[in-house]
Amino acid sequence: MIDFGLTERKVAELKQRMKTCKLYEKDIEEKFVRSSGPGGQKVNKSSTCVHLTHRPSGLAVKMQRSRTQKLNRYYARKRLCEMLENKLLGRESPEAKRLSNIRKQKDRRRRRRPIS
């Protein structure tokens, strides 16, 4: 596996998640491009932004959350897994369940709130 500069536990979790959503390294096309936004000379000189494309599905992710390329590679793979899960599982994906729970909580709060 790739060195992301993270703990072994986080890398193992990502590897397991990639395996469950059938995301293989051989199916990923990875490019490094220059990031945009604040950062000055460092941003202008280094290619820390990661652009991943999953060839079988055509899904693409561009990640520039961190200032380091290693972390951006990790975040991009994590986001690509989320997108594949949403596409394959739909309402059963972990992200969809999380959003559904938030919606339910908001509805409960609205019902409890007194009308003034």
PDB file of N, CA and C in Angstrom:
ATOM      1  N   MET A   1       0.844  -1.189   0.000  1.00  0.00           N
ATOM      2  CA  MET A   1       0.000   0.000   0.000  1.00  0.00           C
ATOM      3  C   MET A   1       0.882   1.242   0.000  1.00  0.00           C
ATOM      4  N   ILE A   2       0.325   2.321  -0.389  1.00  0.00           N
ATOM      5  CA  ILE A   2       1.017   3.589  -0.513  1.00  0.00           C
ATOM      6  C   ILE A   2       1.255   4.191   0.869  1.00  0.00           C
ATOM      7  N   ASP A   3       2.374   4.901   1.033  1.00  0.00           N
ATOM      8  CA  ASP A   3       2.663   5.597   2.288  1.00  0.00           C
ATOM      9  C   ASP A   3       1.914   6.921   2.288  1.00  0.00           C
ATOM     10  N   PHE A   4       0.943   7.051   3.204  1.00  0.00           N
ATOM     11  CA  PHE A   4       0.144   8.272   3.305  1.00  0.00           C
ATOM     12  C   PHE A   4       0.616   9.170   4.437  1.00  0.00           C
ATOM     13  N   GLY A   5       1.616   8.736   5.198  1.00  0.00           N
ATOM     14  CA  GLY A   5       2.074   9.513   6.332  1.00  0.00           C
ATOM     15  C   GLY A   5       1.083   9.490   7.479  1.00  0.00           C
ATOM     16  N   LEU A   6       0.298   8.421   7.575  1.00  0.00           N
ATOM     17  CA  LEU A   6      -0.716   8.277   8.619  1.00  0.00           C
ATOM     18  C   LEU A   6      -0.426   7.037   9.448  1.00  0.00           C
ATOM     19  N   THR A   7      -1.228   6.819  10.488  1.00  0.00           N
ATOM     20  CA  THR A   7      -1.059   5.631  11.316  1.00  0.00           C
ATOM     21  C   THR A   7      -1.453   4.383  10.529  1.00  0.00           C
ATOM     22  N   GLU A   8      -0.898   3.266  10.955  1.00  0.00           N
ATOM     23  CA  GLU A   8      -1.185   1.992  10.289  1.00  0.00           C
ATOM     24  C   GLU A   8      -2.672   1.649  10.361  1.00  0.00           C
ATOM     25  N   ARG A   9      -3.312   2.029  11.466  1.00  0.00           N
ATOM     26  CA  ARG A   9      -4.738   1.729  11.645  1.00  0.00           C
ATOM     27  C   ARG A   9      -5.585   2.429  10.592  1.00  0.00           C
ATOM     28  N   LYS A  10      -5.305   3.713  10.344  1.00  0.00           N
ATOM     29  CA  LYS A  10      -6.076   4.458   9.346  1.00  0.00           C
ATOM     30  C   LYS A  10      -5.851   3.902   7.949  1.00  0.00           C
ATOM     31  N   VAL A  11      -4.608   3.537   7.645  1.00  0.00           N
ATOM     32  CA  VAL A  11      -4.302   2.974   6.331  1.00  0.00           C
ATOM     33  C   VAL A  11      -5.005   1.629   6.168  1.00  0.00           C
ATOM     34  N   ALA A  12      -5.016   0.817   7.228  1.00  0.00           N
ATOM     35  CA  ALA A  12      -5.690  -0.484   7.173  1.00  0.00           C
ATOM     36  C   ALA A  12      -7.198  -0.310   6.993  1.00  0.00           C
ATOM     37  N   GLU A  13      -7.788   0.690   7.674  1.00  0.00           N
ATOM     38  CA  GLU A  13      -9.220   0.957   7.514  1.00  0.00           C
ATOM     39  C   GLU A  13      -9.546   1.360   6.082  1.00  0.00           C
ATOM     40  N   LEU A  14      -8.703   2.218   5.500  1.00  0.00           N
ATOM     41  CA  LEU A  14      -8.925   2.636   4.116  1.00  0.00           C
ATOM     42  C   LEU A  14      -8.797   1.449   3.171  1.00  0.00           C
ATOM     43  N   LYS A  15      -7.788   0.629   3.396  1.00  0.00           N
ATOM     44  CA  LYS A  15      -7.577  -0.549   2.551  1.00  0.00           C
ATOM     45  C   LYS A  15      -8.786  -1.487   2.617  1.00  0.00           C
ATOM     46  N   GLN A  16      -9.316  -1.696   3.824  1.00  0.00           N
ATOM     47  CA  GLN A  16     -10.492  -2.553   4.005  1.00  0.00           C
ATOM     48  C   GLN A  16     -11.713  -1.952   3.319  1.00  0.00           C
ATOM     49  N   ARG A  17     -11.874  -0.653   3.456  1.00  0.00           N
ATOM     50  CA  ARG A  17     -13.021   0.023   2.831  1.00  0.00           C
ATOM     51  C   ARG A  17     -12.928  -0.052   1.312  1.00  0.00           C
ATOM     52  N   MET A  18     -11.715   0.104   0.781  1.00  0.00           N
ATOM     53  CA  MET A  18     -11.523  -0.001  -0.665  1.00  0.00           C
ATOM     54  C   MET A  18     -11.860  -1.409  -1.141  1.00  0.00           C
ATOM     55  N   LYS A  19     -11.511  -2.397  -0.337  1.00  0.00           N
ATOM     56  CA  LYS A  19     -11.795  -3.785  -0.707  1.00  0.00           C
ATOM     57  C   LYS A  19     -13.297  -4.053  -0.714  1.00  0.00           C
ATOM     58  N   THR A  20     -14.023  -3.513   0.275  1.00  0.00           N
ATOM     59  CA  THR A  20     -15.462  -3.766   0.354  1.00  0.00           C
ATOM     60  C   THR A  20     -16.226  -3.097  -0.784  1.00  0.00           C
ATOM     61  N   CYS A  21     -15.766  -1.935  -1.237  1.00  0.00           N
ATOM     62  CA  CYS A  21     -16.473  -1.277  -2.347  1.00  0.00           C
ATOM     63  C   CYS A  21     -15.816  -1.593  -3.695  1.00  0.00           C
ATOM     64  N   LYS A  22     -14.943  -2.603  -3.697  1.00  0.00           N
ATOM     65  CA  LYS A  22     -14.305  -3.106  -4.926  1.00  0.00           C
ATOM     66  C   LYS A  22     -13.576  -2.001  -5.696  1.00  0.00           C
ATOM     67  N   LEU A  23     -12.788  -1.242  -4.964  1.00  0.00           N
ATOM     68  CA  LEU A  23     -11.962  -0.190  -5.543  1.00  0.00           C
ATOM     69  C   LEU A  23     -10.518  -0.669  -5.490  1.00  0.00           C
ATOM     70  N   TYR A  24      -9.951  -0.961  -6.653  1.00  0.00           N
ATOM     71  CA  TYR A  24      -8.600  -1.499  -6.726  1.00  0.00           C
ATOM     72  C   TYR A  24      -7.649  -0.452  -7.286  1.00  0.00           C
ATOM     73  N   GLU A  25      -6.396  -0.495  -6.810  1.00  0.00           N
ATOM     74  CA  GLU A  25      -5.383   0.474  -7.249  1.00  0.00           C
ATOM     75  C   GLU A  25      -5.167   0.418  -8.765  1.00  0.00           C
ATOM     76  N   LYS A  26      -5.287  -0.759  -9.355  1.00  0.00           N
ATOM     77  CA  LYS A  26      -5.057  -0.891 -10.801  1.00  0.00           C
ATOM     78  C   LYS A  26      -6.134  -0.179 -11.620  1.00  0.00           C
ATOM     79  N   ASP A  27      -7.311   0.056 -11.024  1.00  0.00           N
ATOM     80  CA  ASP A  27      -8.409   0.725 -11.724  1.00  0.00           C
ATOM     81  C   ASP A  27      -8.383   2.240 -11.559  1.00  0.00           C
ATOM     82  N   ILE A  28      -7.432   2.748 -10.770  1.00  0.00           N
ATOM     83  CA  ILE A  28      -7.378   4.181 -10.479  1.00  0.00           C
ATOM     84  C   ILE A  28      -6.293   4.846 -11.311  1.00  0.00           C
ATOM     85  N   GLU A  29      -6.668   5.940 -11.957  1.00  0.00           N
ATOM     86  CA  GLU A  29      -5.696   6.773 -12.668  1.00  0.00           C
ATOM     87  C   GLU A  29      -5.436   7.992 -11.788  1.00  0.00           C
ATOM     88  N   GLU A  30      -4.167   8.230 -11.476  1.00  0.00           N
ATOM     89  CA  GLU A  30      -3.814   9.277 -10.516  1.00  0.00           C
ATOM     90  C   GLU A  30      -2.933  10.329 -11.184  1.00  0.00           C
ATOM     91  N   LYS A  31      -3.332  11.599 -11.011  1.00  0.00           N
ATOM     92  CA  LYS A  31      -2.548  12.719 -11.539  1.00  0.00           C
ATOM     93  C   LYS A  31      -2.311  13.705 -10.408  1.00  0.00           C
ATOM     94  N   PHE A  32      -1.204  14.406 -10.489  1.00  0.00           N
ATOM     95  CA  PHE A  32      -0.895  15.446  -9.516  1.00  0.00           C
ATOM     96  C   PHE A  32      -0.830  16.772 -10.245  1.00  0.00           C
ATOM     97  N   VAL A  33      -1.622  17.724  -9.776  1.00  0.00           N
ATOM     98  CA  VAL A  33      -1.680  19.042 -10.409  1.00  0.00           C
ATOM     99  C   VAL A  33      -1.455  20.111  -9.349  1.00  0.00           C
ATOM    100  N   ARG A  34      -1.255  21.321  -9.791  1.00  0.00           N
ATOM    101  CA  ARG A  34      -1.016  22.430  -8.870  1.00  0.00           C
ATOM    102  C   ARG A  34      -2.316  22.820  -8.179  1.00  0.00           C
ATOM    103  N   SER A  35      -2.214  23.080  -6.899  1.00  0.00           N
ATOM    104  CA  SER A  35      -3.382  23.502  -6.124  1.00  0.00           C
ATOM    105  C   SER A  35      -3.675  24.965  -6.375  1.00  0.00           C
ATOM    106  N   SER A  36      -4.883  25.363  -6.048  1.00  0.00           N
ATOM    107  CA  SER A  36      -5.247  26.767  -6.160  1.00  0.00           C
ATOM    108  C   SER A  36      -5.523  27.297  -4.765  1.00  0.00           C
ATOM    109  N   GLY A  37      -5.704  28.593  -4.657  1.00  0.00           N
ATOM    110  CA  GLY A  37      -6.051  29.191  -3.378  1.00  0.00           C
ATOM    111  C   GLY A  37      -4.858  29.724  -2.628  1.00  0.00           C
ATOM    112  N   PRO A  38      -5.044  30.035  -1.339  1.00  0.00           N
ATOM    113  CA  PRO A  38      -3.974  30.638  -0.555  1.00  0.00           C
ATOM    114  C   PRO A  38      -2.822  29.668  -0.320  1.00  0.00           C
ATOM    115  N   GLY A  39      -1.656  30.201  -0.109  1.00  0.00           N
ATOM    116  CA  GLY A  39      -0.478  29.374   0.129  1.00  0.00           C
ATOM    117  C   GLY A  39       0.756  29.992  -0.474  1.00  0.00           C
ATOM    118  N   GLY A  40       0.559  30.953  -1.347  1.00  0.00           N
ATOM    119  CA  GLY A  40       1.683  31.700  -1.907  1.00  0.00           C
ATOM    120  C   GLY A  40       2.616  30.869  -2.759  1.00  0.00           C
ATOM    121  N   GLN A  41       3.905  31.100  -2.586  1.00  0.00           N
ATOM    122  CA  GLN A  41       4.924  30.478  -3.418  1.00  0.00           C
ATOM    123  C   GLN A  41       4.890  28.954  -3.316  1.00  0.00           C
ATOM    124  N   LYS A  42       4.637  28.417  -2.138  1.00  0.00           N
ATOM    125  CA  LYS A  42       4.603  26.967  -1.939  1.00  0.00           C
ATOM    126  C   LYS A  42       3.549  26.317  -2.842  1.00  0.00           C
ATOM    127  N   VAL A  43       2.369  26.903  -2.904  1.00  0.00           N
ATOM    128  CA  VAL A  43       1.288  26.360  -3.728  1.00  0.00           C
ATOM    129  C   VAL A  43       1.637  26.475  -5.204  1.00  0.00           C
ATOM    130  N   ASN A  44       2.265  27.551  -5.582  1.00  0.00           N
ATOM    131  CA  ASN A  44       2.582  27.776  -6.985  1.00  0.00           C
ATOM    132  C   ASN A  44       3.686  26.857  -7.494  1.00  0.00           C
ATOM    133  N   LYS A  45       4.541  26.372  -6.612  1.00  0.00           N
ATOM    134  CA  LYS A  45       5.688  25.573  -7.037  1.00  0.00           C
ATOM    135  C   LYS A  45       5.468  24.068  -6.946  1.00  0.00           C
ATOM    136  N   SER A  46       4.592  23.604  -6.060  1.00  0.00           N
ATOM    137  CA  SER A  46       4.456  22.163  -5.843  1.00  0.00           C
ATOM    138  C   SER A  46       3.089  21.655  -6.297  1.00  0.00           C
ATOM    139  N   SER A  47       3.072  20.438  -6.796  1.00  0.00           N
ATOM    140  CA  SER A  47       1.830  19.815  -7.272  1.00  0.00           C
ATOM    141  C   SER A  47       1.252  18.945  -6.162  1.00  0.00           C
ATOM    142  N   THR A  48       0.512  19.556  -5.255  1.00  0.00           N
ATOM    143  CA  THR A  48      -0.034  18.811  -4.119  1.00  0.00           C
ATOM    144  C   THR A  48      -1.478  18.378  -4.333  1.00  0.00           C
ATOM    145  N   CYS A  49      -2.156  18.934  -5.312  1.00  0.00           N
ATOM    146  CA  CYS A  49      -3.539  18.565  -5.591  1.00  0.00           C
ATOM    147  C   CYS A  49      -3.565  17.209  -6.301  1.00  0.00           C
ATOM    148  N   VAL A  50      -4.452  16.322  -5.864  1.00  0.00           N
ATOM    149  CA  VAL A  50      -4.542  14.969  -6.418  1.00  0.00           C
ATOM    150  C   VAL A  50      -5.834  14.842  -7.206  1.00  0.00           C
ATOM    151  N   HIS A  51      -5.717  14.304  -8.416  1.00  0.00           N
ATOM    152  CA  HIS A  51      -6.880  14.078  -9.273  1.00  0.00           C
ATOM    153  C   HIS A  51      -6.958  12.583  -9.551  1.00  0.00           C
ATOM    154  N   LEU A  52      -7.980  11.911  -8.996  1.00  0.00           N
ATOM    155  CA  LEU A  52      -8.169  10.471  -9.194  1.00  0.00           C
ATOM    156  C   LEU A  52      -9.344  10.223 -10.121  1.00  0.00           C
ATOM    157  N   THR A  53      -9.181   9.261 -11.014  1.00  0.00           N
ATOM    158  CA  THR A  53     -10.267   8.836 -11.888  1.00  0.00           C
ATOM    159  C   THR A  53     -10.411   7.324 -11.771  1.00  0.00           C
ATOM    160  N   HIS A  54     -11.620   6.860 -11.492  1.00  0.00           N
ATOM    161  CA  HIS A  54     -11.905   5.430 -11.435  1.00  0.00           C
ATOM    162  C   HIS A  54     -12.338   5.016 -12.832  1.00  0.00           C
ATOM    163  N   ARG A  55     -11.485   4.289 -13.521  1.00  0.00           N
ATOM    164  CA  ARG A  55     -11.727   3.959 -14.934  1.00  0.00           C
ATOM    165  C   ARG A  55     -13.035   3.202 -15.178  1.00  0.00           C
ATOM    166  N   PRO A  56     -13.354   2.138 -14.423  1.00  0.00           N
ATOM    167  CA  PRO A  56     -14.587   1.397 -14.718  1.00  0.00           C
ATOM    168  C   PRO A  56     -15.871   2.221 -14.595  1.00  0.00           C
ATOM    169  N   SER A  57     -15.962   3.086 -13.585  1.00  0.00           N
ATOM    170  CA  SER A  57     -17.198   3.843 -13.375  1.00  0.00           C
ATOM    171  C   SER A  57     -17.142   5.244 -13.967  1.00  0.00           C
ATOM    172  N   GLY A  58     -15.942   5.763 -14.196  1.00  0.00           N
ATOM    173  CA  GLY A  58     -15.805   7.114 -14.725  1.00  0.00           C
ATOM    174  C   GLY A  58     -15.880   8.200 -13.664  1.00  0.00           C
ATOM    175  N   LEU A  59     -15.985   7.828 -12.390  1.00  0.00           N
ATOM    176  CA  LEU A  59     -16.036   8.815 -11.309  1.00  0.00           C
ATOM    177  C   LEU A  59     -14.674   9.484 -11.148  1.00  0.00           C
ATOM    178  N   ALA A  60     -14.687  10.792 -10.894  1.00  0.00           N
ATOM    179  CA  ALA A  60     -13.445  11.539 -10.722  1.00  0.00           C
ATOM    180  C   ALA A  60     -13.502  12.361  -9.443  1.00  0.00           C
ATOM    181  N   VAL A  61     -12.353  12.476  -8.788  1.00  0.00           N
ATOM    182  CA  VAL A  61     -12.232  13.233  -7.543  1.00  0.00           C
ATOM    183  C   VAL A  61     -11.010  14.127  -7.647  1.00  0.00           C
ATOM    184  N   LYS A  62     -11.182  15.382  -7.244  1.00  0.00           N
ATOM    185  CA  LYS A  62     -10.059  16.311  -7.177  1.00  0.00           C
ATOM    186  C   LYS A  62      -9.959  16.776  -5.733  1.00  0.00           C
ATOM    187  N   MET A  63      -8.820  16.525  -5.090  1.00  0.00           N
ATOM    188  CA  MET A  63      -8.685  16.814  -3.663  1.00  0.00           C
ATOM    189  C   MET A  63      -7.493  17.719  -3.411  1.00  0.00           C
ATOM    190  N   GLN A  64      -7.761  18.839  -2.731  1.00  0.00           N
ATOM    191  CA  GLN A  64      -6.690  19.753  -2.335  1.00  0.00           C
ATOM    192  C   GLN A  64      -6.932  20.266  -0.919  1.00  0.00           C
ATOM    193  N   ARG A  65      -7.457  19.393  -0.070  1.00  0.00           N
ATOM    194  CA  ARG A  65      -7.807  19.756   1.304  1.00  0.00           C
ATOM    195  C   ARG A  65      -6.569  20.070   2.144  1.00  0.00           C
ATOM    196  N   SER A  66      -5.506  19.296   1.959  1.00  0.00           N
ATOM    197  CA  SER A  66      -4.311  19.441   2.777  1.00  0.00           C
ATOM    198  C   SER A  66      -3.189  20.114   1.988  1.00  0.00           C
ATOM    199  N   ARG A  67      -2.142  20.522   2.692  1.00  0.00           N
ATOM    200  CA  ARG A  67      -0.992  21.129   2.022  1.00  0.00           C
ATOM    201  C   ARG A  67       0.004  20.073   1.569  1.00  0.00           C
ATOM    202  N   THR A  68      -0.194  18.809   1.990  1.00  0.00           N
ATOM    203  CA  THR A  68       0.732  17.752   1.601  1.00  0.00           C
ATOM    204  C   THR A  68       0.080  16.807   0.606  1.00  0.00           C
ATOM    205  N   GLN A  69       0.897  16.318  -0.307  1.00  0.00           N
ATOM    206  CA  GLN A  69       0.412  15.411  -1.339  1.00  0.00           C
ATOM    207  C   GLN A  69      -0.019  14.072  -0.740  1.00  0.00           C
ATOM    208  N   LYS A  70       0.709  13.599   0.262  1.00  0.00           N
ATOM    209  CA  LYS A  70       0.383  12.308   0.882  1.00  0.00           C
ATOM    210  C   LYS A  70      -1.026  12.311   1.476  1.00  0.00           C
ATOM    211  N   LEU A  71      -1.332  13.344   2.242  1.00  0.00           N
ATOM    212  CA  LEU A  71      -2.665  13.415   2.851  1.00  0.00           C
ATOM    213  C   LEU A  71      -3.750  13.575   1.800  1.00  0.00           C
ATOM    214  N   ASN A  72      -3.480  14.350   0.764  1.00  0.00           N
ATOM    215  CA  ASN A  72      -4.466  14.526  -0.302  1.00  0.00           C
ATOM    216  C   ASN A  72      -4.730  13.215  -1.030  1.00  0.00           C
ATOM    217  N   ARG A  73      -3.704  12.379  -1.177  1.00  0.00           N
ATOM    218  CA  ARG A  73      -3.903  11.066  -1.799  1.00  0.00           C
ATOM    219  C   ARG A  73      -4.833  10.218  -0.934  1.00  0.00           C
ATOM    220  N   TYR A  74      -4.655  10.266   0.376  1.00  0.00           N
ATOM    221  CA  TYR A  74      -5.511   9.524   1.308  1.00  0.00           C
ATOM    222  C   TYR A  74      -6.952  10.032   1.241  1.00  0.00           C
ATOM    223  N   TYR A  75      -7.120  11.356   1.349  1.00  0.00           N
ATOM    224  CA  TYR A  75      -8.463  11.942   1.332  1.00  0.00           C
ATOM    225  C   TYR A  75      -9.177  11.661   0.004  1.00  0.00           C
ATOM    226  N   ALA A  76      -8.448  11.694  -1.106  1.00  0.00           N
ATOM    227  CA  ALA A  76      -9.053  11.452  -2.414  1.00  0.00           C
ATOM    228  C   ALA A  76      -9.558  10.014  -2.516  1.00  0.00           C
ATOM    229  N   ARG A  77      -8.769   9.059  -2.043  1.00  0.00           N
ATOM    230  CA  ARG A  77      -9.205   7.662  -2.073  1.00  0.00           C
ATOM    231  C   ARG A  77     -10.417   7.450  -1.165  1.00  0.00           C
ATOM    232  N   LYS A  78     -10.396   8.096  -0.022  1.00  0.00           N
ATOM    233  CA  LYS A  78     -11.519   7.985   0.911  1.00  0.00           C
ATOM    234  C   LYS A  78     -12.794   8.545   0.276  1.00  0.00           C
ATOM    235  N   ARG A  79     -12.687   9.687  -0.373  1.00  0.00           N
ATOM    236  CA  ARG A  79     -13.840  10.317  -1.034  1.00  0.00           C
ATOM    237  C   ARG A  79     -14.332   9.464  -2.202  1.00  0.00           C
ATOM    238  N   LEU A  80     -13.412   8.875  -2.954  1.00  0.00           N
ATOM    239  CA  LEU A  80     -13.791   8.014  -4.075  1.00  0.00           C
ATOM    240  C   LEU A  80     -14.561   6.795  -3.568  1.00  0.00           C
ATOM    241  N   CYS A  81     -14.155   6.239  -2.428  1.00  0.00           N
ATOM    242  CA  CYS A  81     -14.897   5.126  -1.813  1.00  0.00           C
ATOM    243  C   CYS A  81     -16.312   5.561  -1.451  1.00  0.00           C
ATOM    244  N   GLU A  82     -16.443   6.752  -0.864  1.00  0.00           N
ATOM    245  CA  GLU A  82     -17.770   7.264  -0.501  1.00  0.00           C
ATOM    246  C   GLU A  82     -18.650   7.401  -1.738  1.00  0.00           C
ATOM    247  N   MET A  83     -18.088   7.933  -2.814  1.00  0.00           N
ATOM    248  CA  MET A  83     -18.860   8.124  -4.042  1.00  0.00           C
ATOM    249  C   MET A  83     -19.292   6.786  -4.630  1.00  0.00           C
ATOM    250  N   LEU A  84     -18.391   5.799  -4.621  1.00  0.00           N
ATOM    251  CA  LEU A  84     -18.743   4.473  -5.139  1.00  0.00           C
ATOM    252  C   LEU A  84     -19.825   3.819  -4.281  1.00  0.00           C
ATOM    253  N   GLU A  85     -19.714   3.951  -2.958  1.00  0.00           N
ATOM    254  CA  GLU A  85     -20.739   3.390  -2.074  1.00  0.00           C
ATOM    255  C   GLU A  85     -22.091   4.036  -2.336  1.00  0.00           C
ATOM    256  N   ASN A  86     -22.105   5.348  -2.509  1.00  0.00           N
ATOM    257  CA  ASN A  86     -23.367   6.036  -2.802  1.00  0.00           C
ATOM    258  C   ASN A  86     -23.953   5.563  -4.120  1.00  0.00           C
ATOM    259  N   LYS A  87     -23.092   5.347  -5.104  1.00  0.00           N
ATOM    260  CA  LYS A  87     -23.558   4.920  -6.421  1.00  0.00           C
ATOM    261  C   LYS A  87     -24.071   3.475  -6.384  1.00  0.00           C
ATOM    262  N   LEU A  88     -23.349   2.600  -5.684  1.00  0.00           N
ATOM    263  CA  LEU A  88     -23.708   1.185  -5.661  1.00  0.00           C
ATOM    264  C   LEU A  88     -24.831   0.871  -4.673  1.00  0.00           C
ATOM    265  N   LEU A  89     -24.761   1.455  -3.478  1.00  0.00           N
ATOM    266  CA  LEU A  89     -25.703   1.102  -2.421  1.00  0.00           C
ATOM    267  C   LEU A  89     -26.902   2.035  -2.323  1.00  0.00           C
ATOM    268  N   GLY A  90     -26.777   3.239  -2.841  1.00  0.00           N
ATOM    269  CA  GLY A  90     -27.882   4.189  -2.787  1.00  0.00           C
ATOM    270  C   GLY A  90     -28.225   4.570  -1.366  1.00  0.00           C
ATOM    271  N   ARG A  91     -29.465   4.278  -0.941  1.00  0.00           N
ATOM    272  CA  ARG A  91     -29.922   4.660   0.398  1.00  0.00           C
ATOM    273  C   ARG A  91     -29.292   3.829   1.505  1.00  0.00           C
ATOM    274  N   GLU A  92     -28.665   2.731   1.152  1.00  0.00           N
ATOM    275  CA  GLU A  92     -28.050   1.868   2.160  1.00  0.00           C
ATOM    276  C   GLU A  92     -26.601   2.241   2.451  1.00  0.00           C
ATOM    277  N   SER A  93     -26.057   3.226   1.753  1.00  0.00           N
ATOM    278  CA  SER A  93     -24.663   3.611   1.969  1.00  0.00           C
ATOM    279  C   SER A  93     -24.516   4.299   3.325  1.00  0.00           C
ATOM    280  N   PRO A  94     -23.344   4.204   3.941  1.00  0.00           N
ATOM    281  CA  PRO A  94     -23.140   4.836   5.253  1.00  0.00           C
ATOM    282  C   PRO A  94     -23.392   6.343   5.234  1.00  0.00           C
ATOM    283  N   GLU A  95     -23.001   7.013   4.177  1.00  0.00           N
ATOM    284  CA  GLU A  95     -23.196   8.463   4.080  1.00  0.00           C
ATOM    285  C   GLU A  95     -24.685   8.800   4.001  1.00  0.00           C
ATOM    286  N   ALA A  96     -25.440   8.021   3.226  1.00  0.00           N
ATOM    287  CA  ALA A  96     -26.880   8.263   3.111  1.00  0.00           C
ATOM    288  C   ALA A  96     -27.579   8.015   4.448  1.00  0.00           C
ATOM    289  N   LYS A  97     -27.148   6.995   5.179  1.00  0.00           N
ATOM    290  CA  LYS A  97     -27.733   6.718   6.493  1.00  0.00           C
ATOM    291  C   LYS A  97     -27.442   7.854   7.467  1.00  0.00           C
ATOM    292  N   ARG A  98     -26.219   8.370   7.418  1.00  0.00           N
ATOM    293  CA  ARG A  98     -25.841   9.470   8.305  1.00  0.00           C
ATOM    294  C   ARG A  98     -26.693  10.706   8.023  1.00  0.00           C
ATOM    295  N   LEU A  99     -26.874  11.026   6.736  1.00  0.00           N
ATOM    296  CA  LEU A  99     -27.690  12.181   6.362  1.00  0.00           C
ATOM    297  C   LEU A  99     -29.156  11.976   6.744  1.00  0.00           C
ATOM    298  N   SER A 100     -29.637  10.749   6.615  1.00  0.00           N
ATOM    299  CA  SER A 100     -31.011  10.439   6.994  1.00  0.00           C
ATOM    300  C   SER A 100     -31.222  10.650   8.496  1.00  0.00           C
ATOM    301  N   ASN A 101     -30.255  10.224   9.303  1.00  0.00           N
ATOM    302  CA  ASN A 101     -30.356  10.423  10.751  1.00  0.00           C
ATOM    303  C   ASN A 101     -30.370  11.900  11.107  1.00  0.00           C
ATOM    304  N   ILE A 102     -29.565  12.691  10.431  1.00  0.00           N
ATOM    305  CA  ILE A 102     -29.537  14.137  10.682  1.00  0.00           C
ATOM    306  C   ILE A 102     -30.886  14.751  10.340  1.00  0.00           C
ATOM    307  N   ARG A 103     -31.476  14.345   9.207  1.00  0.00           N
ATOM    308  CA  ARG A 103     -32.788  14.848   8.810  1.00  0.00           C
ATOM    309  C   ARG A 103     -33.855  14.509   9.851  1.00  0.00           C
ATOM    310  N   LYS A 104     -33.820  13.275  10.354  1.00  0.00           N
ATOM    311  CA  LYS A 104     -34.784  12.855  11.373  1.00  0.00           C
ATOM    312  C   LYS A 104     -34.634  13.683  12.645  1.00  0.00           C
ATOM    313  N   GLN A 105     -33.398  13.939  13.051  1.00  0.00           N
ATOM    314  CA  GLN A 105     -33.161  14.745  14.251  1.00  0.00           C
ATOM    315  C   GLN A 105     -33.713  16.154  14.073  1.00  0.00           C
ATOM    316  N   LYS A 106     -33.494  16.729  12.908  1.00  0.00           N
ATOM    317  CA  LYS A 106     -34.003  18.080  12.643  1.00  0.00           C
ATOM    318  C   LYS A 106     -35.531  18.100  12.676  1.00  0.00           C
ATOM    319  N   ASP A 107     -36.164  17.068  12.108  1.00  0.00           N
ATOM    320  CA  ASP A 107     -37.627  16.992  12.138  1.00  0.00           C
ATOM    321  C   ASP A 107     -38.143  16.902  13.570  1.00  0.00           C
ATOM    322  N   ARG A 108     -37.475  16.086  14.401  1.00  0.00           N
ATOM    323  CA  ARG A 108     -37.875  15.959  15.800  1.00  0.00           C
ATOM    324  C   ARG A 108     -37.764  17.296  16.524  1.00  0.00           C
ATOM    325  N   ARG A 109     -36.686  18.006  16.282  1.00  0.00           N
ATOM    326  CA  ARG A 109     -36.491  19.311  16.931  1.00  0.00           C
ATOM    327  C   ARG A 109     -37.564  20.307  16.504  1.00  0.00           C
ATOM    328  N   ARG A 110     -37.927  20.270  15.230  1.00  0.00           N
ATOM    329  CA  ARG A 110     -38.965  21.186  14.738  1.00  0.00           C
ATOM    330  C   ARG A 110     -40.303  20.909  15.416  1.00  0.00           C
ATOM    331  N   ARG A 111     -40.629  19.630  15.602  1.00  0.00           N
ATOM    332  CA  ARG A 111     -41.893  19.266  16.237  1.00  0.00           C
ATOM    333  C   ARG A 111     -41.923  19.665  17.711  1.00  0.00           C
ATOM    334  N   ARG A 112     -40.786  19.610  18.377  1.00  0.00           N
ATOM    335  CA  ARG A 112     -40.713  19.954  19.796  1.00  0.00           C
ATOM    336  C   ARG A 112     -40.768  21.455  20.035  1.00  0.00           C
ATOM    337  N   ARG A 113     -40.313  22.220  19.077  1.00  0.00           N
ATOM    338  CA  ARG A 113     -40.222  23.666  19.241  1.00  0.00           C
ATOM    339  C   ARG A 113     -41.616  24.279  19.334  1.00  0.00           C
ATOM    340  N   PRO A 114     -41.861  25.102  20.359  1.00  0.00           N
ATOM    341  CA  PRO A 114     -43.184  25.727  20.485  1.00  0.00           C
ATOM    342  C   PRO A 114     -43.383  26.792  19.409  1.00  0.00           C
ATOM    343  N   ILE A 115     -44.600  26.907  18.954  1.00  0.00           N
ATOM    344  CA  ILE A 115     -44.934  27.910  17.942  1.00  0.00           C
ATOM    345  C   ILE A 115     -45.194  29.226  18.662  1.00  0.00           C
ATOM    346  N   SER A 116     -44.513  30.279  18.232  1.00  0.00           N
ATOM    347  CA  SER A 116     -44.686  31.569  18.909  1.00  0.00           C
ATOM    348  C   SER A 116     -45.369  32.577  18.033  1.00  0.00           C
TER     349      SER A 116
END
